[in-house]
Amino acid sequence: MAGPGDHEILHPEIVLGFHGLCLVKPVHDDDWYMGSLYDDGSIDCWTAYDDLYEALRGL
């Protein structure tokens, strides 16, 4: 189980980028995650949403 400060690797099925922010839909997971999209292609996610609609509203 990951705790605060631990990193969990997500395997993205879909990544939607929006000027430095992104929404990520992992493989085999119905949740969407919001995070920062960096120039090197790495992503730092901090919030999970139940569906794409809620994730888009969170932007």
N, C-alpha and C. Protein backbone atom coordinates (compact mmCIF):
# COMPACT_ATOMS: atom_id res chain seq x y z
N MET A 1 0.84 -1.18 0.00
CA MET A 1 0.00 0.00 0.00
C MET A 1 0.88 1.24 0.00
N ALA A 2 0.60 2.17 -0.89
CA ALA A 2 1.38 3.39 -0.99
C ALA A 2 0.94 4.37 0.09
N GLY A 3 1.90 5.01 0.69
CA GLY A 3 1.61 6.01 1.71
C GLY A 3 2.03 7.38 1.23
N PRO A 4 1.85 8.41 2.07
CA PRO A 4 2.25 9.76 1.69
C PRO A 4 3.73 9.80 1.29
N GLY A 5 4.02 10.43 0.17
CA GLY A 5 5.39 10.53 -0.29
C GLY A 5 5.85 9.36 -1.13
N ASP A 6 5.07 8.26 -1.13
CA ASP A 6 5.41 7.11 -1.97
C ASP A 6 4.90 7.37 -3.39
N HIS A 7 5.56 6.76 -4.35
CA HIS A 7 5.16 6.91 -5.74
C HIS A 7 4.54 5.60 -6.24
N GLU A 8 3.41 5.72 -6.90
CA GLU A 8 2.77 4.57 -7.51
C GLU A 8 2.82 4.78 -9.02
N ILE A 9 3.20 3.78 -9.75
CA ILE A 9 3.30 3.90 -11.19
C ILE A 9 1.98 3.47 -11.82
N LEU A 10 1.39 4.39 -12.60
CA LEU A 10 0.17 4.10 -13.34
C LEU A 10 0.55 3.75 -14.77
N HIS A 11 -0.18 2.85 -15.35
CA HIS A 11 0.03 2.49 -16.75
C HIS A 11 -1.12 3.11 -17.54
N PRO A 12 -0.86 4.27 -18.18
CA PRO A 12 -1.95 5.02 -18.82
C PRO A 12 -2.48 4.37 -20.09
N GLU A 13 -3.79 4.40 -20.20
CA GLU A 13 -4.47 4.00 -21.43
C GLU A 13 -4.74 5.25 -22.26
N ILE A 14 -5.12 6.35 -21.56
CA ILE A 14 -5.42 7.63 -22.20
C ILE A 14 -4.79 8.74 -21.37
N VAL A 15 -4.15 9.70 -22.04
CA VAL A 15 -3.64 10.90 -21.39
C VAL A 15 -4.15 12.10 -22.19
N LEU A 16 -4.87 13.00 -21.52
CA LEU A 16 -5.36 14.22 -22.15
C LEU A 16 -4.60 15.39 -21.54
N GLY A 17 -3.84 16.13 -22.35
CA GLY A 17 -3.04 17.24 -21.84
C GLY A 17 -3.73 18.58 -22.06
N PHE A 18 -3.63 19.46 -21.07
CA PHE A 18 -4.25 20.79 -21.12
C PHE A 18 -3.27 21.82 -20.53
N HIS A 19 -2.32 22.31 -21.32
CA HIS A 19 -1.41 23.38 -20.90
C HIS A 19 -0.76 23.11 -19.54
N GLY A 20 -0.09 22.00 -19.40
CA GLY A 20 0.62 21.68 -18.17
C GLY A 20 -0.17 20.83 -17.20
N LEU A 21 -1.49 20.77 -17.36
CA LEU A 21 -2.32 19.86 -16.57
C LEU A 21 -2.71 18.69 -17.46
N CYS A 22 -3.06 17.58 -16.84
CA CYS A 22 -3.50 16.43 -17.64
C CYS A 22 -4.51 15.60 -16.86
N LEU A 23 -5.25 14.81 -17.62
CA LEU A 23 -6.14 13.80 -17.08
C LEU A 23 -5.64 12.46 -17.59
N VAL A 24 -5.54 11.48 -16.70
CA VAL A 24 -5.00 10.18 -17.04
C VAL A 24 -6.02 9.10 -16.71
N LYS A 25 -6.28 8.21 -17.66
CA LYS A 25 -7.13 7.04 -17.47
C LYS A 25 -6.22 5.83 -17.53
N PRO A 26 -5.92 5.20 -16.38
CA PRO A 26 -5.05 4.03 -16.38
C PRO A 26 -5.74 2.79 -16.98
N VAL A 27 -4.92 1.88 -17.45
CA VAL A 27 -5.40 0.58 -17.94
C VAL A 27 -6.02 -0.16 -16.75
N HIS A 28 -7.12 -0.83 -16.94
CA HIS A 28 -7.80 -1.65 -15.92
C HIS A 28 -8.22 -0.84 -14.69
N ASP A 29 -8.58 0.44 -14.88
CA ASP A 29 -9.03 1.30 -13.78
C ASP A 29 -10.08 2.23 -14.35
N ASP A 30 -11.22 2.35 -13.70
CA ASP A 30 -12.29 3.21 -14.19
C ASP A 30 -12.13 4.66 -13.75
N ASP A 31 -11.22 4.93 -12.81
CA ASP A 31 -11.01 6.29 -12.33
C ASP A 31 -10.18 7.09 -13.32
N TRP A 32 -10.32 8.42 -13.25
CA TRP A 32 -9.50 9.37 -13.99
C TRP A 32 -8.69 10.16 -12.96
N TYR A 33 -7.44 10.45 -13.28
CA TYR A 33 -6.55 11.15 -12.36
C TYR A 33 -6.11 12.47 -12.98
N MET A 34 -6.12 13.54 -12.18
CA MET A 34 -5.63 14.83 -12.62
C MET A 34 -4.22 15.02 -12.10
N GLY A 35 -3.40 15.68 -12.91
CA GLY A 35 -2.05 15.93 -12.47
C GLY A 35 -1.32 16.92 -13.35
N SER A 36 -0.04 17.05 -13.11
CA SER A 36 0.83 17.92 -13.90
C SER A 36 1.51 17.09 -14.97
N LEU A 37 1.58 17.64 -16.17
CA LEU A 37 2.27 17.00 -17.29
C LEU A 37 3.54 17.80 -17.56
N TYR A 38 4.68 17.16 -17.42
CA TYR A 38 5.97 17.84 -17.55
C TYR A 38 6.53 17.66 -18.96
N ASP A 39 7.47 18.54 -19.33
CA ASP A 39 8.06 18.54 -20.67
C ASP A 39 8.71 17.21 -21.03
N ASP A 40 9.21 16.47 -20.04
CA ASP A 40 9.87 15.18 -20.33
C ASP A 40 8.86 14.03 -20.47
N GLY A 41 7.56 14.34 -20.38
CA GLY A 41 6.52 13.33 -20.52
C GLY A 41 6.09 12.68 -19.22
N SER A 42 6.76 13.03 -18.12
CA SER A 42 6.36 12.47 -16.83
C SER A 42 5.11 13.18 -16.31
N ILE A 43 4.42 12.50 -15.42
CA ILE A 43 3.16 13.00 -14.88
C ILE A 43 3.17 12.84 -13.37
N ASP A 44 2.68 13.85 -12.67
CA ASP A 44 2.53 13.80 -11.22
C ASP A 44 1.04 13.98 -10.92
N CYS A 45 0.35 12.90 -10.56
CA CYS A 45 -1.10 12.94 -10.31
C CYS A 45 -1.37 13.22 -8.83
N TRP A 46 -2.42 13.99 -8.56
CA TRP A 46 -2.75 14.30 -7.18
C TRP A 46 -4.23 14.14 -6.84
N THR A 47 -5.10 13.99 -7.82
CA THR A 47 -6.53 13.88 -7.54
C THR A 47 -7.15 12.79 -8.41
N ALA A 48 -8.05 12.00 -7.84
CA ALA A 48 -8.77 10.97 -8.59
C ALA A 48 -10.25 11.35 -8.70
N TYR A 49 -10.82 11.03 -9.84
CA TYR A 49 -12.24 11.27 -10.10
C TYR A 49 -12.89 9.98 -10.56
N ASP A 50 -14.18 9.84 -10.27
CA ASP A 50 -14.92 8.63 -10.63
C ASP A 50 -15.17 8.48 -12.11
N ASP A 51 -15.26 9.62 -12.84
CA ASP A 51 -15.54 9.53 -14.27
C ASP A 51 -14.96 10.75 -14.99
N LEU A 52 -14.94 10.68 -16.32
CA LEU A 52 -14.35 11.75 -17.13
C LEU A 52 -15.10 13.06 -16.95
N TYR A 53 -16.41 13.02 -16.85
CA TYR A 53 -17.20 14.24 -16.67
C TYR A 53 -16.74 15.02 -15.44
N GLU A 54 -16.61 14.34 -14.31
CA GLU A 54 -16.19 15.00 -13.07
C GLU A 54 -14.74 15.49 -13.19
N ALA A 55 -13.89 14.71 -13.85
CA ALA A 55 -12.50 15.11 -14.03
C ALA A 55 -12.41 16.38 -14.88
N LEU A 56 -13.18 16.46 -15.95
CA LEU A 56 -13.19 17.65 -16.79
C LEU A 56 -13.71 18.87 -16.02
N ARG A 57 -14.70 18.66 -15.19
CA ARG A 57 -15.22 19.76 -14.36
C ARG A 57 -14.16 20.24 -13.37
N GLY A 58 -13.28 19.33 -12.94
CA GLY A 58 -12.23 19.66 -11.99
C GLY A 58 -11.11 20.52 -12.59
N LEU A 59 -11.03 20.52 -13.92
CA LEU A 59 -10.00 21.34 -14.56
C LEU A 59 -10.32 22.79 -14.35
